[in-house]
């Protein structure tokens, strides 16, 4: 609660700097709302993604691709504190251990709910899954739109940034990587 109070006080000062009428009735609760919002949007700092994956670890002799695609993700650009949002596609090829499917999405949320750059987040997701599950390979692709490019600066409304990161067989075997790329683009349902 102390963090919320401190952030609220800071945002009162921010509002006083950006609007000549910061005491308007409809702005009275805005600093508190911003404080609560930022606390929620950065809650990934207080979660351990490795523990998330290991909380549903199962020993299974499955050695084919496991793909969770179209995972909605929302993050905050650490350069401008503006949102970026899109979809993450995450695959791994188990080597004796699997995890609950929802845990993959939770790991994406854990890293997304931090101040981020898309490139780092892509690698953090890959590395976390690789370390926790020790699979034969991991593949991560993130497609996102960045409001810092859309609302300000270059103002390109339709730009999408795609990042990828691979380990193991996804790096070494082009057929495996091609299968992953094909599956994330296919509409099978």
C-alpha atoms as a PDB file:
ATOM      1  CA  UNK A   1       0.000   0.000   0.000  1.00  0.00           C
ATOM      2  CA  UNK A   2       2.936   2.324   0.673  1.00  0.00           C
ATOM      3  CA  UNK A   3       4.035   1.947  -2.953  1.00  0.00           C
ATOM      4  CA  UNK A   4       0.579   2.970  -4.196  1.00  0.00           C
ATOM      5  CA  UNK A   5       0.613   6.044  -1.948  1.00  0.00           C
ATOM      6  CA  UNK A   6       4.081   7.110  -3.138  1.00  0.00           C
ATOM      7  CA  UNK A   7       3.147   6.642  -6.794  1.00  0.00           C
ATOM      8  CA  UNK A   8      -0.088   8.563  -6.246  1.00  0.00           C
ATOM      9  CA  UNK A   9       1.848  11.501  -4.801  1.00  0.00           C
ATOM     10  CA  UNK A  10       4.301  11.420  -7.708  1.00  0.00           C
ATOM     11  CA  UNK A  11       1.504  11.439 -10.270  1.00  0.00           C
ATOM     12  CA  UNK A  12      -0.190  14.356  -8.538  1.00  0.00           C
ATOM     13  CA  UNK A  13       3.014  16.267  -9.233  1.00  0.00           C
ATOM     14  CA  UNK A  14       3.127  15.015 -12.829  1.00  0.00           C
ATOM     15  CA  UNK A  15      -0.447  16.166 -13.467  1.00  0.00           C
ATOM     16  CA  UNK A  16       0.364  19.584 -12.030  1.00  0.00           C
ATOM     17  CA  UNK A  17       3.215  19.864 -14.536  1.00  0.00           C
ATOM     18  CA  UNK A  18       1.209  18.861 -17.626  1.00  0.00           C
ATOM     19  CA  UNK A  19      -2.179  20.474 -17.149  1.00  0.00           C
ATOM     20  CA  UNK A  20      -2.994  23.964 -15.883  1.00  0.00           C
ATOM     21  CA  UNK A  21      -6.188  22.620 -14.306  1.00  0.00           C
ATOM     22  CA  UNK A  22      -4.926  19.582 -12.403  1.00  0.00           C
ATOM     23  CA  UNK A  23      -7.388  20.168  -9.561  1.00  0.00           C
ATOM     24  CA  UNK A  24     -10.453  19.546 -11.743  1.00  0.00           C
ATOM     25  CA  UNK A  25     -12.972  17.190 -10.169  1.00  0.00           C
ATOM     26  CA  UNK A  26     -12.557  14.551 -12.897  1.00  0.00           C
ATOM     27  CA  UNK A  27      -8.766  14.445 -12.308  1.00  0.00           C
ATOM     28  CA  UNK A  28      -8.918  14.073  -8.526  1.00  0.00           C
ATOM     29  CA  UNK A  29      -8.653  10.281  -8.536  1.00  0.00           C
ATOM     30  CA  UNK A  30      -6.453  10.020 -11.639  1.00  0.00           C
ATOM     31  CA  UNK A  31      -3.140   9.797  -9.729  1.00  0.00           C
ATOM     32  CA  UNK A  32      -4.475   6.881  -7.666  1.00  0.00           C
ATOM     33  CA  UNK A  33      -5.825   5.146 -10.780  1.00  0.00           C
ATOM     34  CA  UNK A  34      -2.454   5.546 -12.522  1.00  0.00           C
ATOM     35  CA  UNK A  35      -0.619   4.191  -9.459  1.00  0.00           C
ATOM     36  CA  UNK A  36      -2.847   1.104  -9.344  1.00  0.00           C
ATOM     37  CA  UNK A  37      -2.589   0.627 -13.096  1.00  0.00           C
ATOM     38  CA  UNK A  38       1.216   0.800 -13.145  1.00  0.00           C
ATOM     39  CA  UNK A  39       1.432  -1.574 -10.217  1.00  0.00           C
ATOM     40  CA  UNK A  40      -0.678  -4.100 -12.127  1.00  0.00           C
ATOM     41  CA  UNK A  41       1.193  -3.562 -15.415  1.00  0.00           C
ATOM     42  CA  UNK A  42       4.544  -4.234 -13.734  1.00  0.00           C
ATOM     43  CA  UNK A  43       3.559  -7.128 -11.468  1.00  0.00           C
ATOM     44  CA  UNK A  44       5.843  -9.432 -13.469  1.00  0.00           C
ATOM     45  CA  UNK A  45       8.765  -8.216 -11.362  1.00  0.00           C
ATOM     46  CA  UNK A  46       7.238 -10.045  -8.400  1.00  0.00           C
ATOM     47  CA  UNK A  47       6.715 -13.422 -10.087  1.00  0.00           C
ATOM     48  CA  UNK A  48       9.296 -16.103 -10.684  1.00  0.00           C
ATOM     49  CA  UNK A  49       8.809 -17.491 -14.221  1.00  0.00           C
ATOM     50  CA  UNK A  50      11.051 -20.502 -13.545  1.00  0.00           C
ATOM     51  CA  UNK A  51       8.857 -21.468 -10.586  1.00  0.00           C
ATOM     52  CA  UNK A  52       5.745 -20.989 -12.727  1.00  0.00           C
ATOM     53  CA  UNK A  53       6.999 -23.562 -15.251  1.00  0.00           C
ATOM     54  CA  UNK A  54       8.213 -26.002 -12.602  1.00  0.00           C
ATOM     55  CA  UNK A  55       4.944 -25.852 -10.646  1.00  0.00           C
ATOM     56  CA  UNK A  56       3.347 -28.158 -13.224  1.00  0.00           C
ATOM     57  CA  UNK A  57       6.355 -30.214 -14.311  1.00  0.00           C
ATOM     58  CA  UNK A  58       5.562 -33.732 -15.519  1.00  0.00           C
ATOM     59  CA  UNK A  59       7.814 -36.513 -16.735  1.00  0.00           C
ATOM     60  CA  UNK A  60       6.495 -37.619 -20.101  1.00  0.00           C
ATOM     61  CA  UNK A  61       8.123 -39.433 -23.004  1.00  0.00           C
ATOM     62  CA  UNK A  62       6.787 -37.003 -25.618  1.00  0.00           C
ATOM     63  CA  UNK A  63       9.378 -35.753 -28.098  1.00  0.00           C
ATOM     64  CA  UNK A  64       7.372 -33.768 -30.646  1.00  0.00           C
ATOM     65  CA  UNK A  65       6.716 -30.049 -30.854  1.00  0.00           C
ATOM     66  CA  UNK A  66       4.477 -28.457 -28.239  1.00  0.00           C
ATOM     67  CA  UNK A  67       3.242 -25.098 -29.531  1.00  0.00           C
ATOM     68  CA  UNK A  68       1.161 -22.517 -27.738  1.00  0.00           C
ATOM     69  CA  UNK A  69       0.430 -19.792 -30.263  1.00  0.00           C
ATOM     70  CA  UNK A  70      -1.458 -16.519 -30.373  1.00  0.00           C
ATOM     71  CA  UNK A  71      -0.793 -15.777 -26.692  1.00  0.00           C
ATOM     72  CA  UNK A  72      -2.047 -12.233 -26.200  1.00  0.00           C
ATOM     73  CA  UNK A  73       0.545 -10.064 -24.530  1.00  0.00           C
ATOM     74  CA  UNK A  74       0.630  -6.496 -23.282  1.00  0.00           C
ATOM     75  CA  UNK A  75       3.778  -4.772 -22.120  1.00  0.00           C
ATOM     76  CA  UNK A  76       5.239  -1.329 -21.480  1.00  0.00           C
ATOM     77  CA  UNK A  77       8.102   0.108 -23.505  1.00  0.00           C
ATOM     78  CA  UNK A  78      10.841   0.994 -21.052  1.00  0.00           C
ATOM     79  CA  UNK A  79      11.948   3.939 -23.203  1.00  0.00           C
ATOM     80  CA  UNK A  80       8.660   5.869 -23.254  1.00  0.00           C
ATOM     81  CA  UNK A  81       6.365   4.066 -20.794  1.00  0.00           C
ATOM     82  CA  UNK A  82       3.887   3.499 -23.587  1.00  0.00           C
ATOM     83  CA  UNK A  83       2.235   0.140 -24.251  1.00  0.00           C
ATOM     84  CA  UNK A  84       3.179  -2.400 -26.850  1.00  0.00           C
ATOM     85  CA  UNK A  85       0.925  -5.338 -27.490  1.00  0.00           C
ATOM     86  CA  UNK A  86       0.532  -8.325 -29.743  1.00  0.00           C
ATOM     87  CA  UNK A  87       0.930 -12.077 -29.801  1.00  0.00           C
ATOM     88  CA  UNK A  88       3.583 -14.484 -28.654  1.00  0.00           C
ATOM     89  CA  UNK A  89       4.094 -17.918 -30.195  1.00  0.00           C
ATOM     90  CA  UNK A  90       6.078 -20.326 -28.043  1.00  0.00           C
ATOM     91  CA  UNK A  91       7.148 -23.880 -28.849  1.00  0.00           C
ATOM     92  CA  UNK A  92       9.438 -26.447 -27.323  1.00  0.00           C
ATOM     93  CA  UNK A  93      10.386 -30.036 -28.038  1.00  0.00           C
ATOM     94  CA  UNK A  94      10.416 -31.954 -24.755  1.00  0.00           C
ATOM     95  CA  UNK A  95      13.220 -34.241 -23.690  1.00  0.00           C
ATOM     96  CA  UNK A  96      11.446 -36.158 -20.944  1.00  0.00           C
ATOM     97  CA  UNK A  97       9.741 -33.199 -19.200  1.00  0.00           C
ATOM     98  CA  UNK A  98       6.629 -31.188 -20.066  1.00  0.00           C
ATOM     99  CA  UNK A  99       4.792 -28.407 -18.260  1.00  0.00           C
ATOM    100  CA  UNK A 100       1.179 -27.351 -18.087  1.00  0.00           C
ATOM    101  CA  UNK A 101       0.144 -25.443 -21.203  1.00  0.00           C
ATOM    102  CA  UNK A 102      -1.204 -22.505 -19.222  1.00  0.00           C
ATOM    103  CA  UNK A 103       2.224 -22.132 -17.630  1.00  0.00           C
ATOM    104  CA  UNK A 104       3.673 -21.107 -21.008  1.00  0.00           C
ATOM    105  CA  UNK A 105       1.142 -18.265 -21.248  1.00  0.00           C
ATOM    106  CA  UNK A 106       1.834 -17.282 -17.641  1.00  0.00           C
ATOM    107  CA  UNK A 107       5.564 -17.050 -18.363  1.00  0.00           C
ATOM    108  CA  UNK A 108       4.815 -14.746 -21.296  1.00  0.00           C
ATOM    109  CA  UNK A 109       2.705 -12.574 -18.966  1.00  0.00           C
ATOM    110  CA  UNK A 110       5.410 -12.600 -16.306  1.00  0.00           C
ATOM    111  CA  UNK A 111       8.009 -11.136 -18.665  1.00  0.00           C
ATOM    112  CA  UNK A 112       5.525  -8.857 -20.451  1.00  0.00           C
ATOM    113  CA  UNK A 113       4.375  -7.281 -17.194  1.00  0.00           C
ATOM    114  CA  UNK A 114       7.692  -5.526 -16.712  1.00  0.00           C
ATOM    115  CA  UNK A 115       9.202  -2.476 -18.342  1.00  0.00           C
ATOM    116  CA  UNK A 116      10.539  -4.072 -21.498  1.00  0.00           C
ATOM    117  CA  UNK A 117      11.974  -4.020 -24.938  1.00  0.00           C
ATOM    118  CA  UNK A 118      10.536  -6.648 -27.236  1.00  0.00           C
ATOM    119  CA  UNK A 119      13.918  -8.079 -28.181  1.00  0.00           C
ATOM    120  CA  UNK A 120      14.916  -8.805 -24.568  1.00  0.00           C
ATOM    121  CA  UNK A 121      11.510 -10.189 -23.683  1.00  0.00           C
ATOM    122  CA  UNK A 122      11.725 -12.672 -26.580  1.00  0.00           C
ATOM    123  CA  UNK A 123      15.066 -13.968 -25.317  1.00  0.00           C
ATOM    124  CA  UNK A 124      13.961 -14.046 -21.665  1.00  0.00           C
ATOM    125  CA  UNK A 125      10.990 -16.267 -22.500  1.00  0.00           C
ATOM    126  CA  UNK A 126      13.208 -18.561 -24.588  1.00  0.00           C
ATOM    127  CA  UNK A 127      15.913 -18.798 -21.923  1.00  0.00           C
ATOM    128  CA  UNK A 128      13.481 -19.413 -19.072  1.00  0.00           C
ATOM    129  CA  UNK A 129      11.807 -22.324 -20.855  1.00  0.00           C
ATOM    130  CA  UNK A 130      15.177 -23.721 -21.923  1.00  0.00           C
ATOM    131  CA  UNK A 131      16.542 -23.601 -18.360  1.00  0.00           C
ATOM    132  CA  UNK A 132      13.415 -24.912 -16.621  1.00  0.00           C
ATOM    133  CA  UNK A 133      12.542 -27.771 -18.976  1.00  0.00           C
ATOM    134  CA  UNK A 134      15.910 -28.639 -20.593  1.00  0.00           C
ATOM    135  CA  UNK A 135      14.107 -29.447 -23.868  1.00  0.00           C
ATOM    136  CA  UNK A 136      15.650 -30.380 -27.205  1.00  0.00           C
ATOM    137  CA  UNK A 137      14.833 -26.870 -28.389  1.00  0.00           C
ATOM    138  CA  UNK A 138      12.760 -23.742 -27.805  1.00  0.00           C
ATOM    139  CA  UNK A 139      11.273 -21.300 -30.318  1.00  0.00           C
ATOM    140  CA  UNK A 140       9.720 -17.940 -29.525  1.00  0.00           C
ATOM    141  CA  UNK A 141       8.265 -15.416 -31.963  1.00  0.00           C
ATOM    142  CA  UNK A 142       6.604 -12.202 -30.829  1.00  0.00           C
ATOM    143  CA  UNK A 143       4.624  -9.900 -33.130  1.00  0.00           C
ATOM    144  CA  UNK A 144       3.732  -6.554 -31.583  1.00  0.00           C
ATOM    145  CA  UNK A 145       2.553  -3.042 -32.266  1.00  0.00           C
ATOM    146  CA  UNK A 146       4.279  -0.279 -30.320  1.00  0.00           C
ATOM    147  CA  UNK A 147       2.364   2.836 -29.354  1.00  0.00           C
ATOM    148  CA  UNK A 148       5.677   4.697 -29.056  1.00  0.00           C
ATOM    149  CA  UNK A 149       5.939   4.285 -32.850  1.00  0.00           C
ATOM    150  CA  UNK A 150       2.242   4.872 -33.530  1.00  0.00           C
ATOM    151  CA  UNK A 151       1.295   7.804 -31.270  1.00  0.00           C
ATOM    152  CA  UNK A 152       4.531   9.785 -31.293  1.00  0.00           C
ATOM    153  CA  UNK A 153       7.866   9.905 -33.081  1.00  0.00           C
ATOM    154  CA  UNK A 154       7.634   8.292 -36.517  1.00  0.00           C
ATOM    155  CA  UNK A 155       3.815   7.827 -36.238  1.00  0.00           C
ATOM    156  CA  UNK A 156       3.536   4.659 -38.333  1.00  0.00           C
ATOM    157  CA  UNK A 157       0.075   3.263 -37.627  1.00  0.00           C
ATOM    158  CA  UNK A 158       0.359  -0.105 -39.323  1.00  0.00           C
ATOM    159  CA  UNK A 159       3.866  -1.177 -38.377  1.00  0.00           C
ATOM    160  CA  UNK A 160       4.355  -4.515 -36.644  1.00  0.00           C
ATOM    161  CA  UNK A 161       7.630  -5.601 -35.062  1.00  0.00           C
ATOM    162  CA  UNK A 162       8.527  -9.293 -35.153  1.00  0.00           C
ATOM    163  CA  UNK A 163      11.266 -10.808 -33.014  1.00  0.00           C
ATOM    164  CA  UNK A 164      12.399 -14.413 -32.772  1.00  0.00           C
ATOM    165  CA  UNK A 165      14.703 -16.493 -30.611  1.00  0.00           C
ATOM    166  CA  UNK A 166      15.607 -20.182 -30.944  1.00  0.00           C
ATOM    167  CA  UNK A 167      17.645 -22.843 -29.166  1.00  0.00           C
ATOM    168  CA  UNK A 168      18.594 -26.446 -29.887  1.00  0.00           C
ATOM    169  CA  UNK A 169      16.917 -28.217 -32.781  1.00  0.00           C
ATOM    170  CA  UNK A 170      15.113 -25.040 -33.839  1.00  0.00           C
ATOM    171  CA  UNK A 171      18.544 -23.566 -34.577  1.00  0.00           C
ATOM    172  CA  UNK A 172      20.190 -26.682 -36.011  1.00  0.00           C
ATOM    173  CA  UNK A 173      17.400 -28.263 -38.065  1.00  0.00           C
ATOM    174  CA  UNK A 174      15.861 -25.957 -40.655  1.00  0.00           C
ATOM    175  CA  UNK A 175      12.914 -28.369 -41.169  1.00  0.00           C
ATOM    176  CA  UNK A 176      11.929 -28.104 -37.511  1.00  0.00           C
ATOM    177  CA  UNK A 177      12.160 -24.320 -37.633  1.00  0.00           C
ATOM    178  CA  UNK A 178      10.138 -24.258 -40.883  1.00  0.00           C
ATOM    179  CA  UNK A 179       7.454 -26.452 -39.312  1.00  0.00           C
ATOM    180  CA  UNK A 180       7.213 -24.010 -36.399  1.00  0.00           C
ATOM    181  CA  UNK A 181       6.967 -21.006 -38.738  1.00  0.00           C
ATOM    182  CA  UNK A 182       4.325 -22.795 -40.827  1.00  0.00           C
ATOM    183  CA  UNK A 183       2.258 -23.734 -37.763  1.00  0.00           C
ATOM    184  CA  UNK A 184       2.219 -20.220 -36.297  1.00  0.00           C
ATOM    185  CA  UNK A 185       0.936 -18.874 -39.612  1.00  0.00           C
ATOM    186  CA  UNK A 186      -1.625 -21.620 -40.213  1.00  0.00           C
ATOM    187  CA  UNK A 187      -5.263 -21.373 -39.172  1.00  0.00           C
ATOM    188  CA  UNK A 188      -5.965 -24.943 -38.117  1.00  0.00           C
ATOM    189  CA  UNK A 189      -9.052 -24.307 -36.013  1.00  0.00           C
END
